[in-house]
């Protein structure tokens, strides 16, 4: 059985290369996501939402990984193009049960993303 760090590492690499549909296989059917902008209680809605980030993503650069049993925390820089046009530091806490990620909690300053919600 792969270790939680291996499962999360594979997920992160797929996510960072915008292979969102492939990353779905690493998420448990009983899945939750909590972040400052969205919350999801199933993996399919989550994958649908993050897939929309592809045009905005210029790069994702891993900075540090911490492992505590079934919990893995990744700190990374999310480099965005217009209309955000900033690099946002993100901390992501992932919980692994069996060989699947069952929960993700993400923490970051959402203010740079307000341009996505402005109209006019």
Protein backbone atom coordinates (compact mmCIF):
# COMPACT_ATOMS: atom_id res chain seq x y z
CA UNK A 1 0.00 0.00 0.00
CA UNK A 2 1.46 3.40 -0.95
CA UNK A 3 2.17 5.82 1.88
CA UNK A 4 0.01 8.95 2.23
CA UNK A 5 2.93 11.12 1.06
CA UNK A 6 3.16 9.08 -2.16
CA UNK A 7 -0.57 9.34 -2.85
CA UNK A 8 -0.60 13.08 -2.20
CA UNK A 9 2.59 13.54 -4.24
CA UNK A 10 1.03 11.84 -7.24
CA UNK A 11 -2.16 13.90 -6.82
CA UNK A 12 -0.18 17.14 -6.54
CA UNK A 13 1.89 16.35 -9.64
CA UNK A 14 -1.28 15.66 -11.66
CA UNK A 15 -2.91 18.83 -10.32
CA UNK A 16 0.18 20.95 -11.02
CA UNK A 17 0.24 19.74 -14.64
CA UNK A 18 -3.52 20.39 -15.05
CA UNK A 19 -4.38 16.70 -15.37
CA UNK A 20 -7.47 17.18 -13.21
CA UNK A 21 -9.54 14.30 -14.62
CA UNK A 22 -6.69 11.87 -13.86
CA UNK A 23 -6.34 13.23 -10.33
CA UNK A 24 -9.98 12.28 -9.65
CA UNK A 25 -8.91 8.61 -9.33
CA UNK A 26 -6.95 9.55 -6.19
CA UNK A 27 -9.96 11.11 -4.44
CA UNK A 28 -12.33 9.05 -2.29
CA UNK A 29 -16.00 8.94 -3.24
CA UNK A 30 -16.72 10.23 0.29
CA UNK A 31 -14.69 13.43 -0.07
CA UNK A 32 -14.80 16.94 1.36
CA UNK A 33 -13.06 20.15 0.39
CA UNK A 34 -13.00 23.38 2.40
CA UNK A 35 -11.38 26.62 1.30
CA UNK A 36 -11.84 30.38 1.58
CA UNK A 37 -13.82 30.58 -1.68
CA UNK A 38 -15.55 27.19 -2.13
CA UNK A 39 -16.69 24.12 -0.22
CA UNK A 40 -17.52 20.75 -1.81
CA UNK A 41 -18.87 17.50 -0.41
CA UNK A 42 -18.04 15.29 -3.38
CA UNK A 43 -15.02 14.82 -5.64
CA UNK A 44 -16.78 15.37 -8.97
CA UNK A 45 -17.98 18.90 -8.18
CA UNK A 46 -14.52 19.68 -6.81
CA UNK A 47 -12.76 18.44 -9.98
CA UNK A 48 -15.22 20.38 -12.15
CA UNK A 49 -14.47 23.58 -10.22
CA UNK A 50 -10.67 23.24 -10.18
CA UNK A 51 -10.64 22.39 -13.89
CA UNK A 52 -11.78 25.96 -14.50
CA UNK A 53 -8.46 27.17 -13.05
CA UNK A 54 -6.50 25.88 -16.06
CA UNK A 55 -6.61 29.11 -18.12
CA UNK A 56 -5.55 31.11 -15.06
CA UNK A 57 -2.63 28.86 -14.07
CA UNK A 58 0.89 29.84 -15.12
CA UNK A 59 2.70 27.54 -12.70
CA UNK A 60 2.53 25.69 -9.40
CA UNK A 61 5.76 25.47 -7.44
CA UNK A 62 6.05 23.20 -4.40
CA UNK A 63 7.92 24.75 -1.49
CA UNK A 64 7.55 22.32 1.43
CA UNK A 65 5.79 19.07 2.39
CA UNK A 66 5.00 17.96 5.95
CA UNK A 67 3.72 14.48 6.79
CA UNK A 68 2.00 13.38 10.00
CA UNK A 69 0.61 9.86 9.57
CA UNK A 70 -2.39 10.06 7.20
CA UNK A 71 -2.14 13.86 6.98
CA UNK A 72 0.02 15.66 4.45
CA UNK A 73 0.50 19.43 4.21
CA UNK A 74 1.89 21.01 1.07
CA UNK A 75 2.92 24.64 0.89
CA UNK A 76 3.21 25.93 -2.64
CA UNK A 77 3.20 29.04 -4.81
CA UNK A 78 0.33 29.29 -7.28
CA UNK A 79 1.45 31.56 -10.12
CA UNK A 80 -1.49 33.08 -11.98
CA UNK A 81 -2.00 34.99 -15.19
CA UNK A 82 -4.56 37.75 -15.85
CA UNK A 83 -6.91 38.85 -14.44
CA UNK A 84 -5.28 37.85 -11.14
CA UNK A 85 -1.66 38.18 -12.28
CA UNK A 86 -0.09 37.35 -8.93
CA UNK A 87 1.68 34.53 -7.16
CA UNK A 88 -0.38 33.31 -4.22
CA UNK A 89 1.16 31.25 -1.40
CA UNK A 90 -1.12 28.32 -0.52
CA UNK A 91 -1.13 25.77 2.30
CA UNK A 92 -3.08 22.62 1.53
CA UNK A 93 -3.85 19.96 4.16
CA UNK A 94 -4.82 16.60 2.70
CA UNK A 95 -6.10 13.59 4.65
CA UNK A 96 -5.62 10.08 3.25
CA UNK A 97 -7.75 7.07 4.13
CA UNK A 98 -6.75 3.76 2.59
CA UNK A 99 -5.28 4.72 -0.76
CA UNK A 100 -7.49 7.77 -1.45
CA UNK A 101 -7.57 11.40 -0.39
CA UNK A 102 -10.75 11.86 1.63
CA UNK A 103 -10.42 15.52 2.62
CA UNK A 104 -8.63 18.66 1.52
CA UNK A 105 -8.53 21.91 3.42
CA UNK A 106 -6.85 24.81 1.66
CA UNK A 107 -5.73 28.10 3.20
CA UNK A 108 -4.71 31.24 1.33
CA UNK A 109 -5.47 34.94 1.09
CA UNK A 110 -8.37 35.10 -1.42
CA UNK A 111 -8.08 38.87 -2.05
CA UNK A 112 -6.04 38.53 -5.28
CA UNK A 113 -8.92 36.54 -6.78
CA UNK A 114 -11.54 39.28 -6.35
CA UNK A 115 -10.92 40.35 -9.98
CA UNK A 116 -12.56 37.08 -11.05
CA UNK A 117 -15.80 38.14 -9.39
CA UNK A 118 -15.87 41.79 -10.45
CA UNK A 119 -18.28 42.78 -13.20
CA UNK A 120 -18.08 45.82 -15.32
